[in-house]
Amino acid sequence: MIVKWYENFLHNRMQTRKKIAILFSGTGSNFAHIVAHLHQQSVDVVVALTNNPDAKGIEVAHAAAIPLEIVDSKGYSSREAFDRVVVERLEGYGADLTILAGFMRILTPHFTSQIKSINLHPSLLPRHKGLHAIERSYADSHPEGGVSVHWVTSELDGGEVILQKSISKEGLSFERYNQTIRTIEKVALQEAITQLLT
């Protein structure tokens, strides 16, 4: 009787957990953090998708037995054509939210109008949109740097900010600053997902 109750409890808990999709392009360190701290606990990662068939993050998906979609962006003549395929692949998984965790693509309205998604960016937006944000943030005249999690729109790093975390740059070498940013971005992303879905 107790065993049956526990089985029902687990089943109901799984049914109530929100589903997320993860998009990545590189090492998948933020993806791995989500798997370690949220997957099958407060949310379920139902699919991971990468545009890079050589991405190290692929190993994260395999190790966690998470369904993986590889859509090589080099095989498409336009951003719209690529986004169309990505949307088609994602739609079948029914994710409540899609997480861009180091996904190095500028997305078109075809994606942003159909996929509810958030992005992690390593600066205090609206400062330093785009590439090399950590380097530019470290070199600017502001006493603080940090990270942002924001809603994804077709404007590069232009969606509404969900949350930010800042750190003082005082006395930090670039190496130490970079390491600290890489640490707090994982915390920020985890907090944003939890805030939005649980």
Protein backbone atom coordinates (compact mmCIF):
# COMPACT_ATOMS: atom_id res chain seq x y z
CA MET A 1 0.00 0.00 0.00
CA ILE A 2 2.79 2.41 0.94
CA VAL A 3 4.75 1.44 -2.16
CA LYS A 4 1.76 2.20 -4.38
CA TRP A 5 1.25 5.57 -2.68
CA TYR A 6 4.92 6.45 -3.23
CA GLU A 7 4.73 5.44 -6.89
CA ASN A 8 1.70 7.69 -7.32
CA PHE A 9 3.50 10.50 -5.51
CA LEU A 10 6.50 10.24 -7.81
CA HIS A 11 4.30 10.06 -10.90
CA ASN A 12 2.35 13.16 -9.88
CA ARG A 13 5.53 15.04 -9.07
CA MET A 14 6.94 14.26 -12.49
CA GLN A 15 3.71 15.39 -14.11
CA THR A 16 3.82 18.74 -12.34
CA ARG A 17 7.48 19.55 -13.08
CA LYS A 18 7.93 22.11 -15.81
CA LYS A 19 9.79 21.14 -18.98
CA ILE A 20 12.75 23.07 -20.32
CA ALA A 21 14.88 22.92 -23.45
CA ILE A 22 18.56 23.90 -23.43
CA LEU A 23 20.38 25.40 -26.42
CA PHE A 24 24.19 25.52 -26.38
CA SER A 25 27.13 25.90 -28.74
CA GLY A 26 30.28 25.12 -26.77
CA THR A 27 31.49 23.42 -23.62
CA GLY A 28 28.03 23.22 -22.07
CA SER A 29 29.22 24.27 -18.59
CA ASN A 30 26.00 26.15 -17.88
CA PHE A 31 24.01 23.26 -19.32
CA ALA A 32 25.87 20.90 -16.98
CA HIS A 33 25.08 23.15 -14.01
CA ILE A 34 21.37 23.05 -14.83
CA VAL A 35 21.46 19.26 -15.14
CA ALA A 36 23.25 18.94 -11.81
CA HIS A 37 21.06 21.35 -9.83
CA LEU A 38 17.61 21.41 -11.45
CA HIS A 39 17.07 18.47 -13.81
CA GLN A 40 14.62 15.89 -12.42
CA GLN A 41 14.37 17.96 -9.24
CA SER A 42 12.38 21.13 -9.91
CA VAL A 43 12.31 20.90 -13.74
CA ASP A 44 12.88 18.33 -16.46
CA VAL A 45 15.30 19.02 -19.30
CA VAL A 46 13.37 17.37 -22.11
CA VAL A 47 15.79 18.21 -24.93
CA ALA A 48 19.16 19.78 -25.59
CA LEU A 49 19.96 21.32 -28.96
CA THR A 50 23.26 22.51 -30.38
CA ASN A 51 24.27 24.17 -33.63
CA ASN A 52 27.80 22.78 -33.31
CA PRO A 53 28.32 19.07 -34.01
CA ASP A 54 31.70 19.27 -32.23
CA ALA A 55 30.41 20.97 -29.06
CA LYS A 56 31.74 19.45 -25.86
CA GLY A 57 28.32 19.99 -24.29
CA ILE A 58 27.08 17.03 -26.32
CA GLU A 59 28.79 14.82 -23.73
CA VAL A 60 26.65 16.41 -21.01
CA ALA A 61 23.47 15.43 -22.82
CA HIS A 62 24.67 11.87 -23.39
CA ALA A 63 25.81 11.43 -19.79
CA ALA A 64 22.42 12.58 -18.48
CA ALA A 65 20.43 10.58 -21.09
CA ILE A 66 18.80 13.80 -22.32
CA PRO A 67 17.46 13.75 -25.90
CA LEU A 68 19.84 15.66 -28.17
CA GLU A 69 19.20 17.51 -31.41
CA ILE A 70 22.13 18.63 -33.57
CA VAL A 71 21.31 21.25 -36.19
CA ASP A 72 24.57 22.32 -37.82
CA SER A 73 24.20 26.02 -38.56
CA LYS A 74 26.88 25.79 -41.26
CA GLY A 75 24.44 23.82 -43.39
CA TYR A 76 21.93 26.65 -43.84
CA SER A 77 22.03 29.55 -46.27
CA SER A 78 20.28 32.01 -43.94
CA ARG A 79 19.54 32.57 -40.27
CA GLU A 80 15.82 32.22 -41.04
CA ALA A 81 16.29 28.81 -42.64
CA PHE A 82 18.28 27.61 -39.64
CA ASP A 83 15.75 29.00 -37.16
CA ARG A 84 12.89 27.31 -38.99
CA VAL A 85 14.48 23.90 -38.48
CA VAL A 86 15.32 24.64 -34.84
CA VAL A 87 11.72 25.62 -34.12
CA GLU A 88 10.46 22.44 -35.81
CA ARG A 89 12.81 20.30 -33.73
CA LEU A 90 11.89 21.98 -30.45
CA GLU A 91 8.13 21.98 -30.94
CA GLY A 92 7.85 18.22 -30.55
CA TYR A 93 9.16 18.32 -26.97
CA GLY A 94 6.58 20.69 -25.50
CA ALA A 95 9.02 22.69 -23.37
CA ASP A 96 7.53 25.38 -21.16
CA LEU A 97 10.70 27.45 -21.46
CA THR A 98 13.82 27.35 -23.61
CA ILE A 99 17.17 28.32 -22.12
CA LEU A 100 19.97 29.77 -24.25
CA ALA A 101 23.07 28.72 -22.34
CA GLY A 102 26.00 29.79 -24.46
CA PHE A 103 24.06 29.48 -27.72
CA MET A 104 26.10 31.60 -30.13
CA ARG A 105 23.42 32.56 -32.62
CA ILE A 106 21.50 35.76 -33.33
CA LEU A 107 17.91 34.57 -33.58
CA THR A 108 15.34 35.82 -36.05
CA PRO A 109 11.68 36.70 -35.42
CA HIS A 110 10.77 33.25 -36.76
CA PHE A 111 12.28 31.82 -33.58
CA THR A 112 11.53 34.60 -31.10
CA SER A 113 7.85 34.87 -32.02
CA GLN A 114 7.26 31.15 -31.42
CA ILE A 115 9.68 29.99 -28.72
CA LYS A 116 9.47 31.43 -25.19
CA SER A 117 13.11 31.70 -24.20
CA ILE A 118 15.63 33.34 -21.92
CA ASN A 119 19.32 34.08 -22.40
CA LEU A 120 22.31 34.43 -20.11
CA HIS A 121 24.67 37.32 -20.92
CA PRO A 122 27.94 38.11 -19.08
CA SER A 123 27.47 41.84 -18.59
CA LEU A 124 25.10 44.21 -16.84
CA LEU A 125 22.80 44.92 -19.76
CA PRO A 126 22.22 47.21 -21.54
CA ARG A 127 26.00 47.63 -21.34
CA HIS A 128 28.15 45.51 -23.64
CA LYS A 129 25.69 43.64 -25.81
CA GLY A 130 27.11 41.03 -28.14
CA LEU A 131 30.51 39.35 -28.18
CA HIS A 132 33.48 39.86 -25.83
CA ALA A 133 31.21 41.24 -23.13
CA ILE A 134 33.45 40.10 -20.26
CA GLU A 135 36.51 41.76 -21.72
CA ARG A 136 34.65 44.98 -22.49
CA SER A 137 32.99 45.05 -19.10
CA TYR A 138 36.29 44.58 -17.30
CA ALA A 139 37.89 47.41 -19.30
CA ASP A 140 35.12 49.99 -18.90
CA SER A 141 35.01 52.82 -16.33
CA HIS A 142 32.24 51.35 -14.18
CA PRO A 143 33.29 50.02 -10.75
CA GLU A 144 31.06 46.94 -11.13
CA GLY A 145 30.48 44.27 -13.71
CA GLY A 146 28.15 41.31 -13.69
CA VAL A 147 25.72 39.10 -15.53
CA SER A 148 22.15 39.37 -16.80
CA VAL A 149 19.39 36.92 -17.60
CA HIS A 150 16.88 38.36 -20.05
CA TRP A 151 14.00 37.42 -22.29
CA VAL A 152 15.04 36.66 -25.86
CA THR A 153 13.85 38.94 -28.64
CA SER A 154 15.07 39.41 -32.20
CA GLU A 155 17.17 42.35 -30.95
CA LEU A 156 20.59 41.10 -29.87
CA ASP A 157 20.65 41.00 -26.04
CA GLY A 158 17.78 43.48 -26.10
CA GLY A 159 14.95 41.69 -24.29
CA GLU A 160 13.59 42.65 -20.88
CA VAL A 161 15.99 41.83 -18.04
CA ILE A 162 14.71 39.19 -15.60
CA LEU A 163 17.52 39.45 -13.07
CA GLN A 164 21.10 40.65 -12.72
CA LYS A 165 24.00 39.90 -10.39
CA SER A 166 26.86 42.34 -9.99
CA ILE A 167 30.40 42.14 -8.62
CA SER A 168 32.99 44.77 -7.76
CA LYS A 169 35.97 44.91 -10.09
CA GLU A 170 38.18 46.57 -7.51
CA GLY A 171 41.48 44.76 -7.09
CA LEU A 172 40.59 41.95 -9.48
CA SER A 173 42.88 40.80 -12.25
CA PHE A 174 41.11 39.99 -15.50
CA GLU A 175 41.61 36.28 -14.85
CA ARG A 176 39.97 36.55 -11.43
CA TYR A 177 37.17 38.73 -12.80
CA ASN A 178 36.49 36.27 -15.63
CA GLN A 179 36.45 33.33 -13.22
CA THR A 180 34.02 35.11 -10.89
CA ILE A 181 31.70 36.02 -13.76
CA ARG A 182 31.69 32.39 -14.91
CA THR A 183 30.71 31.32 -11.42
CA ILE A 184 27.92 33.82 -10.79
CA GLU A 185 26.37 33.34 -14.23
CA LYS A 186 25.51 29.76 -13.30
CA VAL A 187 23.86 30.94 -10.08
CA ALA A 188 21.95 33.66 -11.94
CA LEU A 189 20.67 31.26 -14.58
CA GLN A 190 19.55 28.73 -11.99
CA GLU A 191 17.75 31.44 -10.00
CA ALA A 192 16.00 32.80 -13.10
CA ILE A 193 14.72 29.39 -14.15
CA THR A 194 13.49 28.70 -10.64
CA GLN A 195 11.87 32.13 -10.40
CA LEU A 196 10.04 31.70 -13.69
CA LEU A 197 8.94 28.08 -13.42
CA THR A 198 8.66 26.88 -9.83
